[in-house]
Amino acid sequence: MANAALDENSIPTLTAGLDSNGSTIIRVKVNPTNHGLVVSDGTGGTDHGPVNDLRDENNRVALMAVSSSDGVTPVVVYATSTGSLLINSN
């Protein structure tokens, strides 16, 4: 499990659930040149849960969003093992 990195003001960086198991926390990566998120675009994937938010060892919450199905249900956001945020641009 990776803890969120902190800036000089103790603000945590983005973390997400690992797409292969849904329970390990992974740091989300950004291109240092243009500051754009590094993403993995595709429609594949598996819902590993969890129902509740993931937290690192310092109790910082990983990314959560709401379901595209109902716009209400909280869903954990996944990233690949290389830190690429999973997206579906379709």
N, C-alpha and C. Protein backbone atom coordinates (compact mmCIF):
# COMPACT_ATOMS: atom_id res chain seq x y z
N MET A 1 0.84 -1.18 0.00
CA MET A 1 0.00 0.00 0.00
C MET A 1 0.88 1.23 0.00
N ALA A 2 0.55 2.18 -0.87
CA ALA A 2 1.30 3.43 -0.94
C ALA A 2 0.55 4.53 -0.19
N ASN A 3 1.24 5.22 0.66
CA ASN A 3 0.65 6.38 1.31
C ASN A 3 0.71 7.56 0.35
N ALA A 4 -0.21 8.49 0.49
CA ALA A 4 -0.19 9.70 -0.31
C ALA A 4 1.09 10.48 0.00
N ALA A 5 1.74 10.99 -1.04
CA ALA A 5 2.88 11.87 -0.83
C ALA A 5 2.32 13.22 -0.35
N LEU A 6 3.11 13.96 0.40
CA LEU A 6 2.67 15.25 0.94
C LEU A 6 3.52 16.38 0.40
N ASP A 7 2.88 17.54 0.14
CA ASP A 7 3.68 18.71 -0.25
C ASP A 7 4.19 19.40 1.01
N GLU A 8 4.84 20.55 0.85
CA GLU A 8 5.42 21.25 2.00
C GLU A 8 4.38 21.77 2.98
N ASN A 9 3.12 21.84 2.55
CA ASN A 9 2.03 22.28 3.43
C ASN A 9 1.22 21.11 3.96
N SER A 10 1.75 19.90 3.81
CA SER A 10 1.11 18.66 4.26
C SER A 10 -0.19 18.34 3.52
N ILE A 11 -0.32 18.83 2.28
CA ILE A 11 -1.48 18.52 1.45
C ILE A 11 -1.18 17.21 0.72
N PRO A 12 -2.08 16.21 0.81
CA PRO A 12 -1.81 14.92 0.19
C PRO A 12 -2.03 14.94 -1.33
N THR A 13 -1.25 14.09 -2.00
CA THR A 13 -1.42 13.88 -3.43
C THR A 13 -2.57 12.90 -3.68
N LEU A 14 -2.94 12.73 -4.95
CA LEU A 14 -4.02 11.83 -5.31
C LEU A 14 -3.60 10.37 -5.19
N THR A 15 -4.51 9.57 -4.65
CA THR A 15 -4.32 8.12 -4.62
C THR A 15 -5.62 7.50 -5.11
N ALA A 16 -5.53 6.25 -5.56
CA ALA A 16 -6.70 5.53 -6.06
C ALA A 16 -6.56 4.06 -5.69
N GLY A 17 -7.62 3.30 -5.89
CA GLY A 17 -7.57 1.86 -5.67
C GLY A 17 -6.89 1.18 -6.84
N LEU A 18 -6.12 0.14 -6.58
CA LEU A 18 -5.45 -0.61 -7.63
C LEU A 18 -6.47 -1.42 -8.41
N ASP A 19 -6.46 -1.31 -9.74
CA ASP A 19 -7.48 -1.94 -10.57
C ASP A 19 -7.46 -3.47 -10.50
N SER A 20 -6.35 -4.09 -10.15
CA SER A 20 -6.28 -5.55 -10.13
C SER A 20 -6.91 -6.18 -8.90
N ASN A 21 -7.06 -5.40 -7.81
CA ASN A 21 -7.69 -5.99 -6.63
C ASN A 21 -8.67 -5.06 -5.91
N GLY A 22 -8.63 -3.78 -6.20
CA GLY A 22 -9.58 -2.84 -5.61
C GLY A 22 -9.33 -2.46 -4.17
N SER A 23 -8.31 -3.04 -3.54
CA SER A 23 -8.09 -2.75 -2.13
C SER A 23 -6.72 -2.14 -1.83
N THR A 24 -5.77 -2.29 -2.73
CA THR A 24 -4.45 -1.69 -2.54
C THR A 24 -4.49 -0.25 -3.03
N ILE A 25 -3.85 0.64 -2.30
CA ILE A 25 -3.81 2.05 -2.70
C ILE A 25 -2.58 2.29 -3.55
N ILE A 26 -2.77 3.04 -4.65
CA ILE A 26 -1.69 3.37 -5.58
C ILE A 26 -1.66 4.89 -5.77
N ARG A 27 -0.47 5.45 -5.91
CA ARG A 27 -0.35 6.89 -6.17
C ARG A 27 -0.68 7.17 -7.63
N VAL A 28 -1.49 8.18 -7.89
CA VAL A 28 -1.86 8.58 -9.25
C VAL A 28 -0.74 9.45 -9.81
N LYS A 29 -0.36 9.20 -11.06
CA LYS A 29 0.77 9.90 -11.68
C LYS A 29 0.30 11.05 -12.58
N VAL A 30 1.16 12.07 -12.69
CA VAL A 30 0.93 13.24 -13.54
C VAL A 30 2.20 13.48 -14.36
N ASN A 31 2.03 13.88 -15.62
CA ASN A 31 3.16 14.23 -16.47
C ASN A 31 3.77 15.52 -15.93
N PRO A 32 5.06 15.52 -15.55
CA PRO A 32 5.66 16.71 -14.96
C PRO A 32 5.87 17.87 -15.94
N THR A 33 5.79 17.58 -17.25
CA THR A 33 6.00 18.62 -18.25
C THR A 33 4.74 19.45 -18.48
N ASN A 34 3.59 18.76 -18.64
CA ASN A 34 2.35 19.49 -18.93
C ASN A 34 1.32 19.40 -17.81
N HIS A 35 1.66 18.70 -16.74
CA HIS A 35 0.81 18.56 -15.55
C HIS A 35 -0.51 17.83 -15.83
N GLY A 36 -0.55 17.07 -16.92
CA GLY A 36 -1.74 16.29 -17.25
C GLY A 36 -1.70 14.93 -16.57
N LEU A 37 -2.87 14.44 -16.19
CA LEU A 37 -2.98 13.11 -15.59
C LEU A 37 -2.50 12.06 -16.57
N VAL A 38 -1.80 11.06 -16.07
CA VAL A 38 -1.44 9.90 -16.87
C VAL A 38 -2.63 8.95 -16.75
N VAL A 39 -3.20 8.56 -17.90
CA VAL A 39 -4.43 7.77 -17.88
C VAL A 39 -4.28 6.50 -18.70
N SER A 40 -5.16 5.56 -18.42
CA SER A 40 -5.28 4.34 -19.20
C SER A 40 -6.73 4.30 -19.66
N ASP A 41 -6.93 4.44 -20.98
CA ASP A 41 -8.27 4.53 -21.54
C ASP A 41 -8.73 3.15 -22.02
N GLY A 42 -9.90 2.74 -21.60
CA GLY A 42 -10.44 1.46 -22.02
C GLY A 42 -11.76 1.17 -21.35
N THR A 43 -12.44 0.19 -21.86
CA THR A 43 -13.74 -0.16 -21.30
C THR A 43 -13.66 -1.39 -20.41
N GLY A 44 -12.51 -2.06 -20.39
CA GLY A 44 -12.37 -3.25 -19.55
C GLY A 44 -12.20 -2.89 -18.10
N GLY A 45 -12.37 -3.86 -17.27
CA GLY A 45 -12.20 -3.64 -15.84
C GLY A 45 -13.15 -4.50 -15.04
N THR A 46 -12.88 -4.61 -13.79
CA THR A 46 -13.69 -5.44 -12.90
C THR A 46 -14.01 -4.64 -11.66
N ASP A 47 -15.23 -4.80 -11.16
CA ASP A 47 -15.63 -4.13 -9.93
C ASP A 47 -15.21 -4.98 -8.75
N HIS A 48 -14.13 -4.57 -8.08
CA HIS A 48 -13.66 -5.28 -6.91
C HIS A 48 -14.24 -4.69 -5.62
N GLY A 49 -15.09 -3.66 -5.76
CA GLY A 49 -15.54 -2.94 -4.58
C GLY A 49 -14.46 -1.94 -4.24
N PRO A 50 -14.25 -1.58 -3.08
CA PRO A 50 -15.05 -1.84 -1.90
C PRO A 50 -16.25 -0.90 -1.84
N VAL A 51 -17.11 -1.14 -0.89
CA VAL A 51 -18.29 -0.29 -0.72
C VAL A 51 -17.89 1.03 -0.08
N ASN A 52 -16.96 0.98 0.87
CA ASN A 52 -16.52 2.19 1.56
C ASN A 52 -15.20 2.69 1.00
N ASP A 53 -14.86 3.92 1.35
CA ASP A 53 -13.63 4.54 0.86
C ASP A 53 -12.39 3.78 1.31
N LEU A 54 -11.36 3.86 0.48
CA LEU A 54 -10.06 3.31 0.83
C LEU A 54 -9.26 4.40 1.54
N ARG A 55 -8.47 4.01 2.52
CA ARG A 55 -7.64 4.95 3.24
C ARG A 55 -6.23 4.39 3.35
N ASP A 56 -5.24 5.29 3.21
CA ASP A 56 -3.86 4.84 3.36
C ASP A 56 -3.53 4.69 4.84
N GLU A 57 -2.29 4.34 5.14
CA GLU A 57 -1.90 4.11 6.53
C GLU A 57 -1.96 5.36 7.39
N ASN A 58 -2.04 6.54 6.75
CA ASN A 58 -2.16 7.81 7.47
C ASN A 58 -3.61 8.29 7.51
N ASN A 59 -4.53 7.41 7.13
CA ASN A 59 -5.98 7.67 7.16
C ASN A 59 -6.42 8.70 6.12
N ARG A 60 -5.63 8.90 5.07
CA ARG A 60 -6.02 9.80 3.98
C ARG A 60 -6.83 9.03 2.96
N VAL A 61 -7.92 9.63 2.52
CA VAL A 61 -8.87 8.96 1.63
C VAL A 61 -8.38 8.96 0.18
N ALA A 62 -8.52 7.79 -0.49
CA ALA A 62 -8.23 7.68 -1.91
C ALA A 62 -9.41 8.27 -2.69
N LEU A 63 -9.21 8.45 -4.01
CA LEU A 63 -10.24 9.06 -4.86
C LEU A 63 -11.56 8.28 -4.83
N MET A 64 -12.64 9.02 -4.76
CA MET A 64 -13.98 8.48 -4.86
C MET A 64 -14.74 9.35 -5.87
N ALA A 65 -15.74 8.77 -6.50
CA ALA A 65 -16.60 9.50 -7.43
C ALA A 65 -18.02 8.96 -7.25
N VAL A 66 -18.96 9.48 -8.00
CA VAL A 66 -20.32 8.92 -7.95
C VAL A 66 -20.55 8.08 -9.20
N SER A 67 -21.41 7.09 -9.08
CA SER A 67 -21.72 6.17 -10.17
C SER A 67 -22.32 6.90 -11.37
N SER A 68 -21.89 6.52 -12.57
CA SER A 68 -22.48 7.09 -13.79
C SER A 68 -23.89 6.55 -14.01
N SER A 69 -24.25 5.48 -13.30
CA SER A 69 -25.59 4.90 -13.44
C SER A 69 -26.67 5.72 -12.75
N ASP A 70 -26.37 6.16 -11.52
CA ASP A 70 -27.40 6.89 -10.78
C ASP A 70 -26.98 8.27 -10.30
N GLY A 71 -25.69 8.60 -10.42
CA GLY A 71 -25.22 9.91 -10.01
C GLY A 71 -25.21 10.14 -8.51
N VAL A 72 -25.38 9.07 -7.73
CA VAL A 72 -25.47 9.19 -6.28
C VAL A 72 -24.54 8.22 -5.54
N THR A 73 -24.50 6.99 -5.98
CA THR A 73 -23.76 5.95 -5.28
C THR A 73 -22.25 6.20 -5.35
N PRO A 74 -21.57 6.27 -4.20
CA PRO A 74 -20.12 6.45 -4.19
C PRO A 74 -19.41 5.23 -4.76
N VAL A 75 -18.38 5.48 -5.57
CA VAL A 75 -17.60 4.42 -6.21
C VAL A 75 -16.12 4.76 -6.07
N VAL A 76 -15.31 3.76 -5.72
CA VAL A 76 -13.87 3.95 -5.64
C VAL A 76 -13.30 4.09 -7.05
N VAL A 77 -12.41 5.04 -7.26
CA VAL A 77 -11.74 5.24 -8.54
C VAL A 77 -10.50 4.35 -8.57
N TYR A 78 -10.27 3.68 -9.71
CA TYR A 78 -9.14 2.77 -9.86
C TYR A 78 -8.01 3.38 -10.69
N ALA A 79 -6.80 2.88 -10.45
CA ALA A 79 -5.62 3.21 -11.25
C ALA A 79 -4.85 1.92 -11.50
N THR A 80 -4.01 1.92 -12.52
CA THR A 80 -3.19 0.75 -12.82
C THR A 80 -1.99 0.69 -11.88
N SER A 81 -1.25 -0.39 -11.95
CA SER A 81 -0.07 -0.55 -11.08
C SER A 81 1.03 0.47 -11.40
N THR A 82 0.95 1.11 -12.57
CA THR A 82 1.93 2.14 -12.92
C THR A 82 1.45 3.54 -12.55
N GLY A 83 0.27 3.64 -11.92
CA GLY A 83 -0.25 4.94 -11.49
C GLY A 83 -1.10 5.64 -12.51
N SER A 84 -1.47 4.96 -13.61
CA SER A 84 -2.33 5.55 -14.63
C SER A 84 -3.78 5.46 -14.17
N LEU A 85 -4.46 6.59 -14.14
CA LEU A 85 -5.85 6.63 -13.72
C LEU A 85 -6.71 5.97 -14.80
N LEU A 86 -7.60 5.05 -14.42
CA LEU A 86 -8.47 4.40 -15.40
C LEU A 86 -9.56 5.37 -15.82
N ILE A 87 -9.74 5.50 -17.14
CA ILE A 87 -10.83 6.32 -17.67
C ILE A 87 -11.56 5.54 -18.75
N ASN A 88 -12.76 5.97 -19.07
CA ASN A 88 -13.53 5.41 -20.18
C ASN A 88 -14.03 6.59 -20.98
N SER A 89 -13.37 6.89 -22.09
CA SER A 89 -13.71 8.09 -22.86
C SER A 89 -14.87 7.86 -23.83
N ASN A 90 -15.44 6.68 -23.83
CA ASN A 90 -16.57 6.39 -24.72
C ASN A 90 -17.83 7.04 -24.22
